[in-house]
């Protein structure tokens, strides 16, 4: 879980992929601002839940998660990521 500027993990040695995923969220939060990020994040989650998606599917449908999951294996993604890159996912 990421709450700018911290990445909170359960395991003592998180994978590079997980850290990259969370760093993508850090960038999103920095660009959008912490409060607007979380308002948007939970609004999208609620929208997808109201549309009938189950928890995990609603979580994966959130645009911030779509960007992070689509690019978490690319450890160089943040070097070339466009500003507000979550809008293109």
PDB file of N, CA and C in Angstrom:
ATOM      1  N   UNK A   1       0.850  -1.182   0.000  1.00  0.00           N
ATOM      2  CA  UNK A   1       0.000   0.000   0.000  1.00  0.00           C
ATOM      3  C   UNK A   1       0.892   1.241   0.000  1.00  0.00           C
ATOM      4  N   UNK A   2       0.434   2.243  -0.674  1.00  0.00           N
ATOM      5  CA  UNK A   2       1.207   3.473  -0.785  1.00  0.00           C
ATOM      6  C   UNK A   2       0.395   4.654  -0.267  1.00  0.00           C
ATOM      7  N   UNK A   3       0.980   5.370   0.649  1.00  0.00           N
ATOM      8  CA  UNK A   3       0.434   6.643   1.111  1.00  0.00           C
ATOM      9  C   UNK A   3       1.610   7.612   1.068  1.00  0.00           C
ATOM     10  N   UNK A   4       1.603   8.472   0.066  1.00  0.00           N
ATOM     11  CA  UNK A   4       2.756   9.327  -0.209  1.00  0.00           C
ATOM     12  C   UNK A   4       3.239   9.997   1.062  1.00  0.00           C
ATOM     13  N   UNK A   5       4.493   9.925   1.353  1.00  0.00           N
ATOM     14  CA  UNK A   5       5.632   9.410   0.593  1.00  0.00           C
ATOM     15  C   UNK A   5       6.073   7.999   0.999  1.00  0.00           C
ATOM     16  N   UNK A   6       5.186   7.222   1.599  1.00  0.00           N
ATOM     17  CA  UNK A   6       5.573   5.914   2.137  1.00  0.00           C
ATOM     18  C   UNK A   6       4.990   4.763   1.331  1.00  0.00           C
ATOM     19  N   UNK A   7       5.768   3.692   1.224  1.00  0.00           N
ATOM     20  CA  UNK A   7       5.295   2.420   0.686  1.00  0.00           C
ATOM     21  C   UNK A   7       5.275   1.452   1.858  1.00  0.00           C
ATOM     22  N   UNK A   8       4.092   0.938   2.162  1.00  0.00           N
ATOM     23  CA  UNK A   8       3.924   0.031   3.290  1.00  0.00           C
ATOM     24  C   UNK A   8       3.805  -1.396   2.757  1.00  0.00           C
ATOM     25  N   UNK A   9       4.666  -2.289   3.233  1.00  0.00           N
ATOM     26  CA  UNK A   9       4.660  -3.679   2.773  1.00  0.00           C
ATOM     27  C   UNK A   9       4.597  -4.621   3.969  1.00  0.00           C
ATOM     28  N   UNK A  10       4.054  -5.806   3.739  1.00  0.00           N
ATOM     29  CA  UNK A  10       3.948  -6.812   4.792  1.00  0.00           C
ATOM     30  C   UNK A  10       5.216  -7.642   4.911  1.00  0.00           C
ATOM     31  N   UNK A  11       5.791  -7.968   3.780  1.00  0.00           N
ATOM     32  CA  UNK A  11       6.954  -8.856   3.756  1.00  0.00           C
ATOM     33  C   UNK A  11       8.249  -8.048   3.865  1.00  0.00           C
ATOM     34  N   UNK A  12       9.263  -8.632   4.503  1.00  0.00           N
ATOM     35  CA  UNK A  12      10.515  -7.884   4.687  1.00  0.00           C
ATOM     36  C   UNK A  12      11.289  -7.648   3.392  1.00  0.00           C
ATOM     37  N   UNK A  13      11.128  -8.490   2.381  1.00  0.00           N
ATOM     38  CA  UNK A  13      11.871  -8.347   1.127  1.00  0.00           C
ATOM     39  C   UNK A  13      10.909  -8.325  -0.061  1.00  0.00           C
ATOM     40  N   UNK A  14      10.245  -7.197  -0.301  1.00  0.00           N
ATOM     41  CA  UNK A  14       9.293  -7.142  -1.417  1.00  0.00           C
ATOM     42  C   UNK A  14      10.015  -7.253  -2.761  1.00  0.00           C
ATOM     43  N   UNK A  15       9.311  -7.779  -3.739  1.00  0.00           N
ATOM     44  CA  UNK A  15       9.888  -7.942  -5.074  1.00  0.00           C
ATOM     45  C   UNK A  15      10.067  -6.585  -5.748  1.00  0.00           C
ATOM     46  N   UNK A  16      10.943  -6.561  -6.735  1.00  0.00           N
ATOM     47  CA  UNK A  16      11.161  -5.341  -7.519  1.00  0.00           C
ATOM     48  C   UNK A  16       9.876  -4.948  -8.238  1.00  0.00           C
ATOM     49  N   UNK A  17       9.127  -5.949  -8.675  1.00  0.00           N
ATOM     50  CA  UNK A  17       7.856  -5.683  -9.367  1.00  0.00           C
ATOM     51  C   UNK A  17       6.866  -4.992  -8.436  1.00  0.00           C
ATOM     52  N   UNK A  18       6.728  -5.497  -7.210  1.00  0.00           N
ATOM     53  CA  UNK A  18       5.812  -4.882  -6.248  1.00  0.00           C
ATOM     54  C   UNK A  18       6.239  -3.455  -5.926  1.00  0.00           C
ATOM     55  N   UNK A  19       7.519  -3.259  -5.695  1.00  0.00           N
ATOM     56  CA  UNK A  19       8.006  -1.906  -5.397  1.00  0.00           C
ATOM     57  C   UNK A  19       7.775  -0.963  -6.570  1.00  0.00           C
ATOM     58  N   UNK A  20       7.972  -1.457  -7.784  1.00  0.00           N
ATOM     59  CA  UNK A  20       7.729  -0.622  -8.957  1.00  0.00           C
ATOM     60  C   UNK A  20       6.245  -0.266  -9.063  1.00  0.00           C
ATOM     61  N   UNK A  21       5.383  -1.235  -8.812  1.00  0.00           N
ATOM     62  CA  UNK A  21       3.934  -1.001  -8.818  1.00  0.00           C
ATOM     63  C   UNK A  21       3.585   0.122  -7.840  1.00  0.00           C
ATOM     64  N   UNK A  22       4.128   0.037  -6.652  1.00  0.00           N
ATOM     65  CA  UNK A  22       3.830   1.038  -5.626  1.00  0.00           C
ATOM     66  C   UNK A  22       4.478   2.387  -5.941  1.00  0.00           C
ATOM     67  N   UNK A  23       5.630   2.376  -6.579  1.00  0.00           N
ATOM     68  CA  UNK A  23       6.262   3.645  -6.990  1.00  0.00           C
ATOM     69  C   UNK A  23       5.436   4.349  -8.059  1.00  0.00           C
ATOM     70  N   UNK A  24       4.785   3.560  -8.900  1.00  0.00           N
ATOM     71  CA  UNK A  24       3.880   4.157  -9.893  1.00  0.00           C
ATOM     72  C   UNK A  24       2.751   4.883  -9.163  1.00  0.00           C
ATOM     73  N   UNK A  25       2.223   4.264  -8.095  1.00  0.00           N
ATOM     74  CA  UNK A  25       1.197   4.934  -7.297  1.00  0.00           C
ATOM     75  C   UNK A  25       1.745   6.189  -6.617  1.00  0.00           C
ATOM     76  N   UNK A  26       2.984   6.150  -6.178  1.00  0.00           N
ATOM     77  CA  UNK A  26       3.596   7.355  -5.590  1.00  0.00           C
ATOM     78  C   UNK A  26       3.587   8.500  -6.596  1.00  0.00           C
ATOM     79  N   UNK A  27       3.958   8.194  -7.826  1.00  0.00           N
ATOM     80  CA  UNK A  27       3.974   9.230  -8.869  1.00  0.00           C
ATOM     81  C   UNK A  27       2.568   9.746  -9.126  1.00  0.00           C
ATOM     82  N   UNK A  28       1.601   8.851  -9.182  1.00  0.00           N
ATOM     83  CA  UNK A  28       0.211   9.269  -9.397  1.00  0.00           C
ATOM     84  C   UNK A  28      -0.250  10.205  -8.282  1.00  0.00           C
ATOM     85  N   UNK A  29       0.080   9.840  -7.046  1.00  0.00           N
ATOM     86  CA  UNK A  29      -0.322  10.651  -5.895  1.00  0.00           C
ATOM     87  C   UNK A  29       0.373  12.006  -5.906  1.00  0.00           C
ATOM     88  N   UNK A  30       1.627  12.022  -6.300  1.00  0.00           N
ATOM     89  CA  UNK A  30       2.371  13.272  -6.371  1.00  0.00           C
ATOM     90  C   UNK A  30       1.766  14.199  -7.422  1.00  0.00           C
ATOM     91  N   UNK A  31       1.418  13.643  -8.576  1.00  0.00           N
ATOM     92  CA  UNK A  31       0.870  14.451  -9.667  1.00  0.00           C
ATOM     93  C   UNK A  31      -0.532  14.984  -9.346  1.00  0.00           C
ATOM     94  N   UNK A  32      -1.345  14.151  -8.751  1.00  0.00           N
ATOM     95  CA  UNK A  32      -2.743  14.510  -8.544  1.00  0.00           C
ATOM     96  C   UNK A  32      -2.984  15.179  -7.200  1.00  0.00           C
ATOM     97  N   UNK A  33      -2.127  14.881  -6.247  1.00  0.00           N
ATOM     98  CA  UNK A  33      -2.333  15.326  -4.876  1.00  0.00           C
ATOM     99  C   UNK A  33      -2.961  14.182  -4.093  1.00  0.00           C
ATOM    100  N   UNK A  34      -2.604  14.066  -2.846  1.00  0.00           N
ATOM    101  CA  UNK A  34      -3.012  12.907  -2.054  1.00  0.00           C
ATOM    102  C   UNK A  34      -4.530  12.812  -1.891  1.00  0.00           C
ATOM    103  N   UNK A  35      -5.169  13.877  -1.457  1.00  0.00           N
ATOM    104  CA  UNK A  35      -6.611  13.820  -1.239  1.00  0.00           C
ATOM    105  C   UNK A  35      -7.378  13.600  -2.552  1.00  0.00           C
ATOM    106  N   UNK A  36      -7.100  14.353  -3.625  1.00  0.00           N
ATOM    107  CA  UNK A  36      -7.803  14.078  -4.882  1.00  0.00           C
ATOM    108  C   UNK A  36      -7.558  12.655  -5.397  1.00  0.00           C
ATOM    109  N   UNK A  37      -6.339  12.151  -5.215  1.00  0.00           N
ATOM    110  CA  UNK A  37      -6.044  10.778  -5.647  1.00  0.00           C
ATOM    111  C   UNK A  37      -6.981   9.798  -4.955  1.00  0.00           C
ATOM    112  N   UNK A  38      -7.069   9.892  -3.633  1.00  0.00           N
ATOM    113  CA  UNK A  38      -7.892   8.930  -2.898  1.00  0.00           C
ATOM    114  C   UNK A  38      -9.381   9.140  -3.123  1.00  0.00           C
ATOM    115  N   UNK A  39      -9.830  10.350  -3.317  1.00  0.00           N
ATOM    116  CA  UNK A  39     -11.238  10.581  -3.653  1.00  0.00           C
ATOM    117  C   UNK A  39     -11.556   9.911  -4.993  1.00  0.00           C
ATOM    118  N   UNK A  40     -10.696  10.140  -5.983  1.00  0.00           N
ATOM    119  CA  UNK A  40     -10.890   9.555  -7.309  1.00  0.00           C
ATOM    120  C   UNK A  40     -10.810   8.032  -7.217  1.00  0.00           C
ATOM    121  N   UNK A  41      -9.803   7.531  -6.492  1.00  0.00           N
ATOM    122  CA  UNK A  41      -9.582   6.092  -6.358  1.00  0.00           C
ATOM    123  C   UNK A  41     -10.831   5.409  -5.791  1.00  0.00           C
ATOM    124  N   UNK A  42     -11.330   5.899  -4.662  1.00  0.00           N
ATOM    125  CA  UNK A  42     -12.478   5.256  -4.023  1.00  0.00           C
ATOM    126  C   UNK A  42     -13.779   5.522  -4.768  1.00  0.00           C
ATOM    127  N   UNK A  43     -13.875   6.645  -5.466  1.00  0.00           N
ATOM    128  CA  UNK A  43     -15.063   6.904  -6.290  1.00  0.00           C
ATOM    129  C   UNK A  43     -15.131   5.889  -7.432  1.00  0.00           C
ATOM    130  N   UNK A  44     -13.998   5.629  -8.080  1.00  0.00           N
ATOM    131  CA  UNK A  44     -13.990   4.628  -9.148  1.00  0.00           C
ATOM    132  C   UNK A  44     -14.299   3.247  -8.600  1.00  0.00           C
ATOM    133  N   UNK A  45     -13.712   2.905  -7.471  1.00  0.00           N
ATOM    134  CA  UNK A  45     -13.976   1.606  -6.860  1.00  0.00           C
ATOM    135  C   UNK A  45     -15.478   1.468  -6.569  1.00  0.00           C
ATOM    136  N   UNK A  46     -16.063   2.473  -5.954  1.00  0.00           N
ATOM    137  CA  UNK A  46     -17.496   2.444  -5.660  1.00  0.00           C
ATOM    138  C   UNK A  46     -18.344   2.337  -6.915  1.00  0.00           C
ATOM    139  N   UNK A  47     -17.959   3.073  -7.952  1.00  0.00           N
ATOM    140  CA  UNK A  47     -18.674   3.019  -9.225  1.00  0.00           C
ATOM    141  C   UNK A  47     -18.687   1.593  -9.769  1.00  0.00           C
ATOM    142  N   UNK A  48     -17.520   0.965  -9.796  1.00  0.00           N
ATOM    143  CA  UNK A  48     -17.444  -0.391 -10.344  1.00  0.00           C
ATOM    144  C   UNK A  48     -18.170  -1.403  -9.466  1.00  0.00           C
ATOM    145  N   UNK A  49     -18.164  -1.198  -8.172  1.00  0.00           N
ATOM    146  CA  UNK A  49     -18.920  -2.082  -7.282  1.00  0.00           C
ATOM    147  C   UNK A  49     -20.423  -1.926  -7.537  1.00  0.00           C
ATOM    148  N   UNK A  50     -20.875  -0.678  -7.690  1.00  0.00           N
ATOM    149  CA  UNK A  50     -22.286  -0.447  -7.983  1.00  0.00           C
ATOM    150  C   UNK A  50     -22.706  -1.029  -9.324  1.00  0.00           C
ATOM    151  N   UNK A  51     -21.763  -1.128 -10.225  1.00  0.00           N
ATOM    152  CA  UNK A  51     -22.033  -1.728 -11.536  1.00  0.00           C
ATOM    153  C   UNK A  51     -22.051  -3.254 -11.466  1.00  0.00           C
ATOM    154  N   UNK A  52     -21.787  -3.808 -10.282  1.00  0.00           N
ATOM    155  CA  UNK A  52     -21.908  -5.246 -10.100  1.00  0.00           C
ATOM    156  C   UNK A  52     -20.600  -6.019 -10.075  1.00  0.00           C
ATOM    157  N   UNK A  53     -19.467  -5.321 -10.188  1.00  0.00           N
ATOM    158  CA  UNK A  53     -18.199  -6.039 -10.141  1.00  0.00           C
ATOM    159  C   UNK A  53     -17.890  -6.475  -8.712  1.00  0.00           C
ATOM    160  N   UNK A  54     -17.272  -7.616  -8.591  1.00  0.00           N
ATOM    161  CA  UNK A  54     -16.822  -8.091  -7.281  1.00  0.00           C
ATOM    162  C   UNK A  54     -15.623  -7.267  -6.847  1.00  0.00           C
ATOM    163  N   UNK A  55     -15.261  -7.400  -5.567  1.00  0.00           N
ATOM    164  CA  UNK A  55     -14.186  -6.580  -4.995  1.00  0.00           C
ATOM    165  C   UNK A  55     -12.926  -6.577  -5.864  1.00  0.00           C
ATOM    166  N   UNK A  56     -12.381  -7.742  -6.152  1.00  0.00           N
ATOM    167  CA  UNK A  56     -11.106  -7.798  -6.875  1.00  0.00           C
ATOM    168  C   UNK A  56     -11.232  -7.210  -8.281  1.00  0.00           C
ATOM    169  N   UNK A  57     -12.330  -7.507  -8.955  1.00  0.00           N
ATOM    170  CA  UNK A  57     -12.522  -6.975 -10.310  1.00  0.00           C
ATOM    171  C   UNK A  57     -12.690  -5.458 -10.289  1.00  0.00           C
ATOM    172  N   UNK A  58     -13.396  -4.936  -9.286  1.00  0.00           N
ATOM    173  CA  UNK A  58     -13.549  -3.483  -9.157  1.00  0.00           C
ATOM    174  C   UNK A  58     -12.205  -2.834  -8.870  1.00  0.00           C
ATOM    175  N   UNK A  59     -11.412  -3.453  -8.007  1.00  0.00           N
ATOM    176  CA  UNK A  59     -10.065  -2.963  -7.689  1.00  0.00           C
ATOM    177  C   UNK A  59      -9.195  -2.919  -8.942  1.00  0.00           C
ATOM    178  N   UNK A  60      -9.225  -3.994  -9.727  1.00  0.00           N
ATOM    179  CA  UNK A  60      -8.389  -4.050 -10.939  1.00  0.00           C
ATOM    180  C   UNK A  60      -8.871  -3.087 -12.024  1.00  0.00           C
ATOM    181  N   UNK A  61     -10.139  -2.668 -11.960  1.00  0.00           N
ATOM    182  CA  UNK A  61     -10.691  -1.765 -12.973  1.00  0.00           C
ATOM    183  C   UNK A  61     -10.333  -0.306 -12.721  1.00  0.00           C
ATOM    184  N   UNK A  62      -9.910   0.033 -11.525  1.00  0.00           N
ATOM    185  CA  UNK A  62      -9.551   1.416 -11.201  1.00  0.00           C
ATOM    186  C   UNK A  62      -8.398   1.848 -12.107  1.00  0.00           C
ATOM    187  N   UNK A  63      -8.512   3.008 -12.706  1.00  0.00           N
ATOM    188  CA  UNK A  63      -7.508   3.440 -13.689  1.00  0.00           C
ATOM    189  C   UNK A  63      -6.098   3.517 -13.127  1.00  0.00           C
ATOM    190  N   UNK A  64      -5.952   3.870 -11.863  1.00  0.00           N
ATOM    191  CA  UNK A  64      -4.627   3.929 -11.252  1.00  0.00           C
ATOM    192  C   UNK A  64      -4.024   2.524 -11.170  1.00  0.00           C
ATOM    193  N   UNK A  65      -4.864   1.549 -10.874  1.00  0.00           N
ATOM    194  CA  UNK A  65      -4.392   0.169 -10.811  1.00  0.00           C
ATOM    195  C   UNK A  65      -4.111  -0.375 -12.206  1.00  0.00           C
ATOM    196  N   UNK A  66      -4.935  -0.004 -13.176  1.00  0.00           N
ATOM    197  CA  UNK A  66      -4.687  -0.469 -14.551  1.00  0.00           C
ATOM    198  C   UNK A  66      -3.316  -0.024 -15.025  1.00  0.00           C
ATOM    199  N   UNK A  67      -2.977   1.243 -14.768  1.00  0.00           N
ATOM    200  CA  UNK A  67      -1.655   1.728 -15.169  1.00  0.00           C
ATOM    201  C   UNK A  67      -0.561   0.993 -14.415  1.00  0.00           C
ATOM    202  N   UNK A  68      -0.710   0.842 -13.110  1.00  0.00           N
ATOM    203  CA  UNK A  68       0.336   0.207 -12.306  1.00  0.00           C
ATOM    204  C   UNK A  68       0.524  -1.259 -12.689  1.00  0.00           C
ATOM    205  N   UNK A  69      -0.574  -2.010 -12.854  1.00  0.00           N
ATOM    206  CA  UNK A  69      -0.444  -3.420 -13.227  1.00  0.00           C
ATOM    207  C   UNK A  69       0.098  -3.582 -14.644  1.00  0.00           C
ATOM    208  N   UNK A  70      -0.275  -2.688 -15.542  1.00  0.00           N
ATOM    209  CA  UNK A  70       0.194  -2.793 -16.929  1.00  0.00           C
ATOM    210  C   UNK A  70       1.690  -2.528 -17.050  1.00  0.00           C
ATOM    211  N   UNK A  71       2.266  -1.829 -16.067  1.00  0.00           N
ATOM    212  CA  UNK A  71       3.662  -1.409 -16.193  1.00  0.00           C
ATOM    213  C   UNK A  71       4.558  -1.838 -15.050  1.00  0.00           C
ATOM    214  N   UNK A  72       4.051  -2.638 -14.123  1.00  0.00           N
ATOM    215  CA  UNK A  72       4.881  -2.962 -12.954  1.00  0.00           C
ATOM    216  C   UNK A  72       6.071  -3.855 -13.272  1.00  0.00           C
ATOM    217  N   UNK A  73       6.048  -4.569 -14.375  1.00  0.00           N
ATOM    218  CA  UNK A  73       7.203  -5.391 -14.767  1.00  0.00           C
ATOM    219  C   UNK A  73       8.281  -4.568 -15.463  1.00  0.00           C
ATOM    220  N   UNK A  74       7.910  -3.409 -15.993  1.00  0.00           N
ATOM    221  CA  UNK A  74       8.849  -2.531 -16.688  1.00  0.00           C
ATOM    222  C   UNK A  74       9.497  -1.607 -15.654  1.00  0.00           C
ATOM    223  N   UNK A  75      10.672  -2.002 -15.193  1.00  0.00           N
ATOM    224  CA  UNK A  75      11.333  -1.249 -14.124  1.00  0.00           C
ATOM    225  C   UNK A  75      11.821   0.124 -14.571  1.00  0.00           C
ATOM    226  N   UNK A  76      11.800   0.388 -15.877  1.00  0.00           N
ATOM    227  CA  UNK A  76      12.193   1.697 -16.406  1.00  0.00           C
ATOM    228  C   UNK A  76      10.984   2.566 -16.756  1.00  0.00           C
ATOM    229  N   UNK A  77       9.795   2.092 -16.469  1.00  0.00           N
ATOM    230  CA  UNK A  77       8.578   2.804 -16.865  1.00  0.00           C
ATOM    231  C   UNK A  77       8.539   4.239 -16.353  1.00  0.00           C
ATOM    232  N   UNK A  78       8.902   4.448 -15.125  1.00  0.00           N
ATOM    233  CA  UNK A  78       8.797   5.795 -14.551  1.00  0.00           C
ATOM    234  C   UNK A  78       9.746   6.796 -15.210  1.00  0.00           C
ATOM    235  N   UNK A  79      10.767   6.307 -15.866  1.00  0.00           N
ATOM    236  CA  UNK A  79      11.699   7.207 -16.564  1.00  0.00           C
ATOM    237  C   UNK A  79      11.052   7.845 -17.786  1.00  0.00           C
ATOM    238  N   UNK A  80      10.096   7.144 -18.398  1.00  0.00           N
ATOM    239  CA  UNK A  80       9.475   7.661 -19.624  1.00  0.00           C
ATOM    240  C   UNK A  80       7.972   7.859 -19.481  1.00  0.00           C
ATOM    241  N   UNK A  81       7.446   7.697 -18.296  1.00  0.00           N
ATOM    242  CA  UNK A  81       6.014   7.805 -18.067  1.00  0.00           C
ATOM    243  C   UNK A  81       5.540   9.229 -18.346  1.00  0.00           C
ATOM    244  N   UNK A  82       4.461   9.359 -19.133  1.00  0.00           N
ATOM    245  CA  UNK A  82       3.919  10.702 -19.366  1.00  0.00           C
ATOM    246  C   UNK A  82       3.215  11.234 -18.125  1.00  0.00           C
ATOM    247  N   UNK A  83       3.168  12.556 -18.017  1.00  0.00           N
ATOM    248  CA  UNK A  83       2.440  13.202 -16.926  1.00  0.00           C
ATOM    249  C   UNK A  83       0.988  12.754 -16.972  1.00  0.00           C
ATOM    250  N   UNK A  84       0.419  12.407 -15.825  1.00  0.00           N
ATOM    251  CA  UNK A  84      -0.931  11.875 -15.711  1.00  0.00           C
ATOM    252  C   UNK A  84      -1.123  10.676 -16.621  1.00  0.00           C
ATOM    253  N   UNK A  85      -0.121   9.788 -16.634  1.00  0.00           N
ATOM    254  CA  UNK A  85      -0.166   8.602 -17.485  1.00  0.00           C
ATOM    255  C   UNK A  85      -1.351   7.694 -17.208  1.00  0.00           C
ATOM    256  N   UNK A  86      -1.942   7.802 -16.041  1.00  0.00           N
ATOM    257  CA  UNK A  86      -3.096   6.970 -15.690  1.00  0.00           C
ATOM    258  C   UNK A  86      -4.307   7.267 -16.561  1.00  0.00           C
ATOM    259  N   UNK A  87      -4.334   8.442 -17.194  1.00  0.00           N
ATOM    260  CA  UNK A  87      -5.470   8.784 -18.042  1.00  0.00           C
ATOM    261  C   UNK A  87      -5.494   8.003 -19.346  1.00  0.00           C
ATOM    262  N   UNK A  88      -4.359   7.456 -19.740  1.00  0.00           N
ATOM    263  CA  UNK A  88      -4.290   6.719 -21.001  1.00  0.00           C
ATOM    264  C   UNK A  88      -4.536   5.234 -20.818  1.00  0.00           C
ATOM    265  N   UNK A  89      -4.814   4.776 -19.607  1.00  0.00           N
ATOM    266  CA  UNK A  89      -5.032   3.347 -19.351  1.00  0.00           C
ATOM    267  C   UNK A  89      -6.483   3.045 -19.140  1.00  0.00           C
TER     268      UNK A  89
END
